[in-house]
PDB file of N, CA and C in Angstrom:
ATOM      1  N   MET A   1     311.715 304.004 165.967  1.00  0.00           N
ATOM      2  CA  MET A   1     311.389 305.672 165.964  1.00  0.00           C
ATOM      3  C   MET A   1     312.255 306.480 166.707  1.00  0.00           C
ATOM      4  N   GLY A   2     313.302 306.795 166.724  1.00  0.00           N
ATOM      5  CA  GLY A   2     313.781 307.594 167.741  1.00  0.00           C
ATOM      6  C   GLY A   2     313.016 308.931 168.136  1.00  0.00           C
ATOM      7  N   ILE A   3     313.298 309.563 169.413  1.00  0.00           N
ATOM      8  CA  ILE A   3     312.991 311.043 169.832  1.00  0.00           C
ATOM      9  C   ILE A   3     313.964 311.539 170.253  1.00  0.00           C
ATOM     10  N   ILE A   4     314.303 312.393 169.638  1.00  0.00           N
ATOM     11  CA  ILE A   4     314.911 313.838 169.741  1.00  0.00           C
ATOM     12  C   ILE A   4     314.122 315.079 170.761  1.00  0.00           C
ATOM     13  N   LYS A   5     314.503 315.495 172.241  1.00  0.00           N
ATOM     14  CA  LYS A   5     314.023 316.479 172.768  1.00  0.00           C
ATOM     15  C   LYS A   5     315.172 317.956 172.360  1.00  0.00           C
ATOM     16  N   ILE A   6     314.690 318.698 171.853  1.00  0.00           N
ATOM     17  CA  ILE A   6     315.502 319.562 171.660  1.00  0.00           C
ATOM     18  C   ILE A   6     314.877 321.577 172.358  1.00  0.00           C
ATOM     19  N   ASN A   7     316.075 322.254 172.318  1.00  0.00           N
ATOM     20  CA  ASN A   7     315.633 323.247 172.744  1.00  0.00           C
ATOM     21  C   ASN A   7     316.001 324.572 171.756  1.00  0.00           C
ATOM     22  N   VAL A   8     314.961 325.026 171.256  1.00  0.00           N
ATOM     23  CA  VAL A   8     315.251 325.996 170.281  1.00  0.00           C
ATOM     24  C   VAL A   8     314.836 327.944 171.222  1.00  0.00           C
ATOM     25  N   GLU A   9     315.551 328.296 170.262  1.00  0.00           N
ATOM     26  CA  GLU A   9     314.644 330.063 171.185  1.00  0.00           C
ATOM     27  C   GLU A   9     313.480 330.058 170.574  1.00  0.00           C
ATOM     28  N   ASP A  10     312.427 330.775 171.112  1.00  0.00           N
ATOM     29  CA  ASP A  10     310.896 330.932 170.703  1.00  0.00           C
ATOM     30  C   ASP A  10     310.439 331.393 169.522  1.00  0.00           C
ATOM     31  N   GLY A  11     311.583 332.150 169.064  1.00  0.00           N
ATOM     32  CA  GLY A  11     311.371 332.714 167.428  1.00  0.00           C
ATOM     33  C   GLY A  11     311.636 331.553 166.509  1.00  0.00           C
ATOM     34  N   VAL A  12     312.409 330.764 166.701  1.00  0.00           N
ATOM     35  CA  VAL A  12     312.963 329.973 165.895  1.00  0.00           C
ATOM     36  C   VAL A  12     311.638 328.881 166.034  1.00  0.00           C
ATOM     37  N   GLU A  13     311.428 328.208 167.281  1.00  0.00           N
ATOM     38  CA  GLU A  13     309.787 327.211 167.319  1.00  0.00           C
ATOM     39  C   GLU A  13     308.349 327.236 166.666  1.00  0.00           C
ATOM     40  N   ARG A  14     308.640 329.110 166.641  1.00  0.00           N
ATOM     41  CA  ARG A  14     307.255 329.590 166.332  1.00  0.00           C
ATOM     42  C   ARG A  14     307.404 329.904 164.831  1.00  0.00           C
ATOM     43  N   SER A  15     308.241 330.183 163.811  1.00  0.00           N
ATOM     44  CA  SER A  15     308.652 330.569 162.925  1.00  0.00           C
ATOM     45  C   SER A  15     308.532 328.564 162.219  1.00  0.00           C
ATOM     46  N   PHE A  16     309.364 328.022 162.795  1.00  0.00           N
ATOM     47  CA  PHE A  16     309.462 326.356 162.374  1.00  0.00           C
ATOM     48  C   PHE A  16     307.850 325.466 162.364  1.00  0.00           C
ATOM     49  N   ARG A  17     306.878 325.892 163.403  1.00  0.00           N
ATOM     50  CA  ARG A  17     305.506 325.789 164.068  1.00  0.00           C
ATOM     51  C   ARG A  17     304.669 326.468 162.548  1.00  0.00           C
ATOM     52  N   GLU A  18     305.052 327.117 162.363  1.00  0.00           N
ATOM     53  CA  GLU A  18     303.812 327.898 161.109  1.00  0.00           C
ATOM     54  C   GLU A  18     304.359 327.605 159.837  1.00  0.00           C
ATOM     55  N   ILE A  19     305.603 327.275 159.463  1.00  0.00           N
ATOM     56  CA  ILE A  19     306.287 327.221 157.839  1.00  0.00           C
ATOM     57  C   ILE A  19     305.709 325.441 157.983  1.00  0.00           C
ATOM     58  N   ALA A  20     305.748 324.703 159.183  1.00  0.00           N
ATOM     59  CA  ALA A  20     305.922 323.383 158.712  1.00  0.00           C
ATOM     60  C   ALA A  20     304.399 322.926 159.010  1.00  0.00           C
ATOM     61  N   MET A  21     303.384 323.475 159.357  1.00  0.00           N
ATOM     62  CA  MET A  21     301.813 322.818 159.666  1.00  0.00           C
ATOM     63  C   MET A  21     301.487 323.854 158.017  1.00  0.00           C
ATOM     64  N   LYS A  22     302.013 325.307 157.505  1.00  0.00           N
ATOM     65  CA  LYS A  22     301.464 325.316 156.525  1.00  0.00           C
ATOM     66  C   LYS A  22     302.080 324.429 155.139  1.00  0.00           C
ATOM     67  N   LYS A  23     302.819 323.972 155.235  1.00  0.00           N
ATOM     68  CA  LYS A  23     303.450 323.019 154.037  1.00  0.00           C
ATOM     69  C   LYS A  23     302.885 321.317 154.545  1.00  0.00           C
ATOM     70  N   PHE A  24     302.928 320.937 155.589  1.00  0.00           N
ATOM     71  CA  PHE A  24     302.627 319.683 156.097  1.00  0.00           C
ATOM     72  C   PHE A  24     300.751 319.146 156.302  1.00  0.00           C
ATOM     73  N   GLY A  25     300.253 320.637 157.096  1.00  0.00           N
ATOM     74  CA  GLY A  25     298.887 320.853 156.935  1.00  0.00           C
ATOM     75  C   GLY A  25     298.920 320.215 158.813  1.00  0.00           C
ATOM     76  N   TYR A  26     297.765 320.864 159.385  1.00  0.00           N
ATOM     77  CA  TYR A  26     297.341 321.343 160.789  1.00  0.00           C
ATOM     78  C   TYR A  26     297.080 319.927 161.707  1.00  0.00           C
ATOM     79  N   SER A  27     297.585 318.782 161.547  1.00  0.00           N
ATOM     80  CA  SER A  27     297.575 317.349 161.387  1.00  0.00           C
ATOM     81  C   SER A  27     298.583 317.014 162.589  1.00  0.00           C
ATOM     82  N   LYS A  28     298.325 315.849 163.023  1.00  0.00           N
ATOM     83  CA  LYS A  28     299.478 315.014 163.921  1.00  0.00           C
ATOM     84  C   LYS A  28     300.516 314.826 163.623  1.00  0.00           C
ATOM     85  N   GLY A  29     301.306 315.027 163.241  1.00  0.00           N
ATOM     86  CA  GLY A  29     302.519 314.436 162.603  1.00  0.00           C
ATOM     87  C   GLY A  29     303.508 315.201 161.368  1.00  0.00           C
ATOM     88  N   SER A  30     302.789 316.198 161.690  1.00  0.00           N
ATOM     89  CA  SER A  30     303.365 317.154 160.350  1.00  0.00           C
ATOM     90  C   SER A  30     304.336 318.213 161.074  1.00  0.00           C
ATOM     91  N   LEU A  31     304.805 318.243 162.289  1.00  0.00           N
ATOM     92  CA  LEU A  31     306.330 319.012 162.985  1.00  0.00           C
ATOM     93  C   LEU A  31     307.118 317.762 163.079  1.00  0.00           C
ATOM     94  N   SER A  32     306.866 316.689 163.257  1.00  0.00           N
ATOM     95  CA  SER A  32     307.643 315.486 163.144  1.00  0.00           C
ATOM     96  C   SER A  32     307.898 315.389 161.485  1.00  0.00           C
ATOM     97  N   THR A  33     307.436 315.140 160.753  1.00  0.00           N
ATOM     98  CA  THR A  33     307.640 315.304 158.970  1.00  0.00           C
ATOM     99  C   THR A  33     308.295 315.943 158.816  1.00  0.00           C
ATOM    100  N   ALA A  34     308.148 317.336 158.542  1.00  0.00           N
ATOM    101  CA  ALA A  34     308.909 318.791 158.681  1.00  0.00           C
ATOM    102  C   ALA A  34     310.606 318.668 159.508  1.00  0.00           C
ATOM    103  N   ALA A  35     310.482 317.827 160.948  1.00  0.00           N
ATOM    104  CA  ALA A  35     311.939 317.935 161.222  1.00  0.00           C
ATOM    105  C   ALA A  35     312.639 316.963 160.612  1.00  0.00           C
ATOM    106  N   GLU A  36     312.276 315.844 160.060  1.00  0.00           N
ATOM    107  CA  GLU A  36     312.376 314.788 159.514  1.00  0.00           C
ATOM    108  C   GLU A  36     313.174 315.787 158.147  1.00  0.00           C
ATOM    109  N   ASP A  37     312.525 316.224 157.371  1.00  0.00           N
ATOM    110  CA  ASP A  37     312.842 317.062 155.893  1.00  0.00           C
ATOM    111  C   ASP A  37     314.509 317.388 156.618  1.00  0.00           C
ATOM    112  N   ALA A  38     314.425 318.523 157.888  1.00  0.00           N
ATOM    113  CA  ALA A  38     315.025 319.164 158.162  1.00  0.00           C
ATOM    114  C   ALA A  38     316.559 318.572 158.307  1.00  0.00           C
ATOM    115  N   PHE A  39     316.184 317.439 159.178  1.00  0.00           N
ATOM    116  CA  PHE A  39     317.784 316.514 159.460  1.00  0.00           C
ATOM    117  C   PHE A  39     318.145 316.057 158.724  1.00  0.00           C
ATOM    118  N   ILE A  40     317.230 315.451 157.297  1.00  0.00           N
ATOM    119  CA  ILE A  40     317.971 315.068 156.093  1.00  0.00           C
ATOM    120  C   ILE A  40     318.766 315.967 155.318  1.00  0.00           C
ATOM    121  N   TYR A  41     318.130 317.263 155.382  1.00  0.00           N
ATOM    122  CA  TYR A  41     318.671 318.191 154.793  1.00  0.00           C
ATOM    123  C   TYR A  41     319.773 318.292 155.243  1.00  0.00           C
ATOM    124  N   TRP A  42     320.070 318.967 156.767  1.00  0.00           N
ATOM    125  CA  TRP A  42     320.985 319.034 157.127  1.00  0.00           C
ATOM    126  C   TRP A  42     322.190 317.548 156.871  1.00  0.00           C
ATOM    127  N   LEU A  43     321.898 316.471 157.268  1.00  0.00           N
ATOM    128  CA  LEU A  43     322.369 315.763 156.804  1.00  0.00           C
ATOM    129  C   LEU A  43     323.254 315.604 155.177  1.00  0.00           C
ATOM    130  N   ASN A  44     322.675 315.702 154.674  1.00  0.00           N
ATOM    131  CA  ASN A  44     322.674 316.030 153.326  1.00  0.00           C
ATOM    132  C   ASN A  44     324.032 316.957 152.653  1.00  0.00           C
ATOM    133  N   LYS A  45     323.287 318.249 153.222  1.00  0.00           N
ATOM    134  CA  LYS A  45     324.444 319.491 153.128  1.00  0.00           C
ATOM    135  C   LYS A  45     326.108 318.875 154.205  1.00  0.00           C
ATOM    136  N   GLU A  46     325.727 318.212 154.956  1.00  0.00           N
ATOM    137  CA  GLU A  46     327.030 317.965 155.821  1.00  0.00           C
ATOM    138  C   GLU A  46     327.799 317.330 155.038  1.00  0.00           C
ATOM    139  N   ALA A  47     327.450 316.075 154.679  1.00  0.00           N
ATOM    140  CA  ALA A  47     327.704 314.977 153.560  1.00  0.00           C
ATOM    141  C   ALA A  47     328.444 315.511 152.610  1.00  0.00           C
ATOM    142  N   ASP A  48     327.568 316.390 151.743  1.00  0.00           N
ATOM    143  CA  ASP A  48     328.599 317.388 150.569  1.00  0.00           C
ATOM    144  C   ASP A  48     329.684 317.813 151.301  1.00  0.00           C
ATOM    145  N   ILE A  49     329.702 318.373 152.294  1.00  0.00           N
ATOM    146  CA  ILE A  49     330.907 319.578 152.702  1.00  0.00           C
ATOM    147  C   ILE A  49     332.016 318.606 153.161  1.00  0.00           C
ATOM    148  N   GLN A  50     331.738 317.456 153.267  1.00  0.00           N
ATOM    149  CA  GLN A  50     332.765 316.714 153.896  1.00  0.00           C
ATOM    150  C   GLN A  50     333.656 315.864 152.831  1.00  0.00           C
ATOM    151  N   GLU A  51     332.585 315.450 151.613  1.00  0.00           N
ATOM    152  CA  GLU A  51     332.713 315.128 150.243  1.00  0.00           C
ATOM    153  C   GLU A  51     333.738 316.237 149.744  1.00  0.00           C
ATOM    154  N   ILE A  52     333.707 317.161 149.808  1.00  0.00           N
ATOM    155  CA  ILE A  52     334.221 318.881 149.081  1.00  0.00           C
ATOM    156  C   ILE A  52     335.597 318.998 149.601  1.00  0.00           C
ATOM    157  N   ARG A  53     335.801 318.234 151.045  1.00  0.00           N
ATOM    158  CA  ARG A  53     337.125 318.790 152.096  1.00  0.00           C
ATOM    159  C   ARG A  53     337.925 317.693 151.949  1.00  0.00           C
ATOM    160  N   SER A  54     337.764 316.450 151.556  1.00  0.00           N
ATOM    161  CA  SER A  54     337.858 315.568 151.328  1.00  0.00           C
ATOM    162  C   SER A  54     338.690 315.201 150.534  1.00  0.00           C
ATOM    163  N   ASN A  55     338.416 315.722 149.235  1.00  0.00           N
ATOM    164  CA  ASN A  55     338.796 315.824 147.755  1.00  0.00           C
ATOM    165  C   ASN A  55     339.589 317.126 147.214  1.00  0.00           C
ATOM    166  N   VAL A  56     340.058 317.992 148.500  1.00  0.00           N
ATOM    167  CA  VAL A  56     340.542 319.409 148.424  1.00  0.00           C
ATOM    168  C   VAL A  56     342.475 318.236 147.706  1.00  0.00           C
ATOM    169  N   GLY A  57     342.690 319.405 146.608  1.00  0.00           N
ATOM    170  CA  GLY A  57     344.088 319.107 145.727  1.00  0.00           C
ATOM    171  C   GLY A  57     343.785 318.034 145.092  1.00  0.00           C
ATOM    172  N   ARG A  58     342.420 317.603 144.960  1.00  0.00           N
ATOM    173  CA  ARG A  58     342.086 316.789 143.373  1.00  0.00           C
ATOM    174  C   ARG A  58     341.458 317.354 142.383  1.00  0.00           C
ATOM    175  N   ASN A  59     341.358 316.848 141.654  1.00  0.00           N
ATOM    176  CA  ASN A  59     340.669 317.227 140.587  1.00  0.00           C
ATOM    177  C   ASN A  59     339.486 318.058 140.718  1.00  0.00           C
ATOM    178  N   PRO A  60     339.266 319.443 140.279  1.00  0.00           N
ATOM    179  CA  PRO A  60     338.296 320.826 141.367  1.00  0.00           C
ATOM    180  C   PRO A  60     336.656 319.727 140.453  1.00  0.00           C
ATOM    181  N   VAL A  61     336.737 319.227 139.284  1.00  0.00           N
ATOM    182  CA  VAL A  61     335.646 318.844 138.783  1.00  0.00           C
ATOM    183  C   VAL A  61     335.049 317.690 138.975  1.00  0.00           C
ATOM    184  N   GLU A  62     336.009 316.599 139.630  1.00  0.00           N
ATOM    185  CA  GLU A  62     335.867 315.691 140.253  1.00  0.00           C
ATOM    186  C   GLU A  62     335.025 315.419 141.397  1.00  0.00           C
ATOM    187  N   SER A  63     335.545 316.499 141.972  1.00  0.00           N
ATOM    188  CA  SER A  63     335.378 316.915 143.322  1.00  0.00           C
ATOM    189  C   SER A  63     333.984 317.831 143.590  1.00  0.00           C
ATOM    190  N   MET A  64     333.364 318.406 142.290  1.00  0.00           N
ATOM    191  CA  MET A  64     332.435 318.588 142.252  1.00  0.00           C
ATOM    192  C   MET A  64     331.325 317.559 142.003  1.00  0.00           C
ATOM    193  N   ARG A  65     331.530 316.473 141.090  1.00  0.00           N
ATOM    194  CA  ARG A  65     330.800 315.554 140.618  1.00  0.00           C
ATOM    195  C   ARG A  65     329.833 314.610 141.935  1.00  0.00           C
ATOM    196  N   GLY A  66     328.921 314.462 142.002  1.00  0.00           N
ATOM    197  CA  GLY A  66     327.866 314.133 142.941  1.00  0.00           C
ATOM    198  C   GLY A  66     327.249 315.110 143.768  1.00  0.00           C
ATOM    199  N   ILE A  67     327.609 316.082 143.407  1.00  0.00           N
ATOM    200  CA  ILE A  67     327.375 316.970 145.125  1.00  0.00           C
ATOM    201  C   ILE A  67     326.179 317.692 145.338  1.00  0.00           C
ATOM    202  N   LEU A  68     325.183 317.446 144.698  1.00  0.00           N
ATOM    203  CA  LEU A  68     323.771 317.344 144.022  1.00  0.00           C
ATOM    204  C   LEU A  68     322.596 316.356 143.548  1.00  0.00           C
ATOM    205  N   LYS A  69     323.074 315.130 144.251  1.00  0.00           N
ATOM    206  CA  LYS A  69     322.622 314.398 143.712  1.00  0.00           C
ATOM    207  C   LYS A  69     321.201 313.818 144.885  1.00  0.00           C
ATOM    208  N   HIS A  70     321.078 314.586 145.388  1.00  0.00           N
ATOM    209  CA  HIS A  70     320.234 314.389 146.329  1.00  0.00           C
ATOM    210  C   HIS A  70     318.754 315.596 145.862  1.00  0.00           C
ATOM    211  N   VAL A  71     319.365 316.077 144.948  1.00  0.00           N
ATOM    212  CA  VAL A  71     318.346 316.995 144.476  1.00  0.00           C
ATOM    213  C   VAL A  71     317.222 316.411 143.538  1.00  0.00           C
ATOM    214  N   LYS A  72     315.877 316.404 143.544  1.00  0.00           N
ATOM    215  CA  LYS A  72     314.956 315.600 142.756  1.00  0.00           C
ATOM    216  C   LYS A  72     314.667 315.936 141.535  1.00  0.00           C
ATOM    217  N   LYS A  73     315.207 317.528 141.042  1.00  0.00           N
ATOM    218  CA  LYS A  73     314.462 318.686 140.120  1.00  0.00           C
ATOM    219  C   LYS A  73     315.640 318.604 139.253  1.00  0.00           C
ATOM    220  N   THR A  74     315.052 318.113 137.901  1.00  0.00           N
ATOM    221  CA  THR A  74     316.331 318.583 136.350  1.00  0.00           C
ATOM    222  C   THR A  74     316.785 319.926 136.578  1.00  0.00           C
ATOM    223  N   SER A  75     317.719 319.865 136.047  1.00  0.00           N
ATOM    224  CA  SER A  75     318.622 321.003 135.961  1.00  0.00           C
ATOM    225  C   SER A  75     317.780 322.154 135.167  1.00  0.00           C
ATOM    226  N   VAL A  76     316.871 322.046 134.518  1.00  0.00           N
ATOM    227  CA  VAL A  76     315.779 322.859 134.339  1.00  0.00           C
ATOM    228  C   VAL A  76     315.268 323.321 134.631  1.00  0.00           C
ATOM    229  N   GLU A  77     314.385 322.585 135.257  1.00  0.00           N
ATOM    230  CA  GLU A  77     313.555 323.523 136.839  1.00  0.00           C
ATOM    231  C   GLU A  77     314.480 324.292 137.769  1.00  0.00           C
ATOM    232  N   LEU A  78     315.364 323.934 137.985  1.00  0.00           N
ATOM    233  CA  LEU A  78     316.184 324.484 138.772  1.00  0.00           C
ATOM    234  C   LEU A  78     316.362 325.937 138.584  1.00  0.00           C
ATOM    235  N   GLN A  79     316.881 325.999 136.609  1.00  0.00           N
ATOM    236  CA  GLN A  79     317.018 327.263 136.082  1.00  0.00           C
ATOM    237  C   GLN A  79     315.910 327.945 136.507  1.00  0.00           C
ATOM    238  N   GLU A  80     314.450 327.189 136.378  1.00  0.00           N
ATOM    239  CA  GLU A  80     313.368 327.979 135.817  1.00  0.00           C
ATOM    240  C   GLU A  80     313.252 328.408 137.632  1.00  0.00           C
ATOM    241  N   ASP A  81     313.165 327.612 138.459  1.00  0.00           N
ATOM    242  CA  ASP A  81     313.230 328.573 140.090  1.00  0.00           C
ATOM    243  C   ASP A  81     314.072 329.875 140.260  1.00  0.00           C
ATOM    244  N   LEU A  82     315.518 329.299 139.919  1.00  0.00           N
ATOM    245  CA  LEU A  82     316.315 330.128 139.497  1.00  0.00           C
ATOM    246  C   LEU A  82     315.826 331.981 139.672  1.00  0.00           C
ATOM    247  N   GLY A  83     315.550 331.878 138.322  1.00  0.00           N
ATOM    248  CA  GLY A  83     314.688 332.767 137.495  1.00  0.00           C
ATOM    249  C   GLY A  83     313.735 333.268 138.112  1.00  0.00           C
ATOM    250  N   LYS A  84     312.481 332.557 138.864  1.00  0.00           N
ATOM    251  CA  LYS A  84     311.146 333.069 139.222  1.00  0.00           C
ATOM    252  C   LYS A  84     311.972 334.099 140.852  1.00  0.00           C
ATOM    253  N   ILE A  85     312.869 333.046 141.318  1.00  0.00           N
ATOM    254  CA  ILE A  85     313.331 334.093 142.882  1.00  0.00           C
ATOM    255  C   ILE A  85     314.654 335.550 142.103  1.00  0.00           C
ATOM    256  N   TRP A  86     315.309 335.351 141.532  1.00  0.00           N
ATOM    257  CA  TRP A  86     315.561 336.609 140.325  1.00  0.00           C
ATOM    258  C   TRP A  86     314.954 337.836 140.348  1.00  0.00           C
ATOM    259  N   SER A  87     313.664 337.205 139.908  1.00  0.00           N
ATOM    260  CA  SER A  87     312.293 338.301 139.419  1.00  0.00           C
ATOM    261  C   SER A  87     311.414 338.833 140.614  1.00  0.00           C
ATOM    262  N   GLU A  88     311.508 338.087 141.681  1.00  0.00           N
ATOM    263  CA  GLU A  88     310.515 338.430 142.804  1.00  0.00           C
ATOM    264  C   GLU A  88     311.157 339.139 143.489  1.00  0.00           C
ATOM    265  N   GLU A  89     313.304 339.136 143.471  1.00  0.00           N
ATOM    266  CA  GLU A  89     314.108 340.113 144.089  1.00  0.00           C
ATOM    267  C   GLU A  89     314.059 341.107 143.715  1.00  0.00           C
ATOM    268  N   ALA A  90     313.793 341.198 142.188  1.00  0.00           N
ATOM    269  CA  ALA A  90     314.027 342.511 141.865  1.00  0.00           C
ATOM    270  C   ALA A  90     312.916 343.504 141.654  1.00  0.00           C
ATOM    271  N   VAL A  91     311.637 343.036 141.812  1.00  0.00           N
ATOM    272  CA  VAL A  91     310.700 343.787 142.171  1.00  0.00           C
ATOM    273  C   VAL A  91     310.669 344.086 143.538  1.00  0.00           C
ATOM    274  N   LYS A  92     311.288 343.563 144.040  1.00  0.00           N
ATOM    275  CA  LYS A  92     311.360 344.178 145.648  1.00  0.00           C
ATOM    276  C   LYS A  92     312.486 345.121 145.819  1.00  0.00           C
TER     277      LYS A  92
END
């Protein structure tokens, strides 16, 4: 297991700690779990961007194929989530 030491602004650290502990609990390892999730999310996002850039000039439909392969939800679940987000924003 690797160790990465990073410096972030105080506000970012405070928010990260708060959300990580709410999601993963107030026990040992919750920050590491949240950080690993964040790294994986970022790596997947960057890999998708690189794949899109490598497909520039090709069939646009084919270049989008597989871009959400890391998403574990179905299309119906994603649509429901989006509807909830839009509803919440409309109420605000």
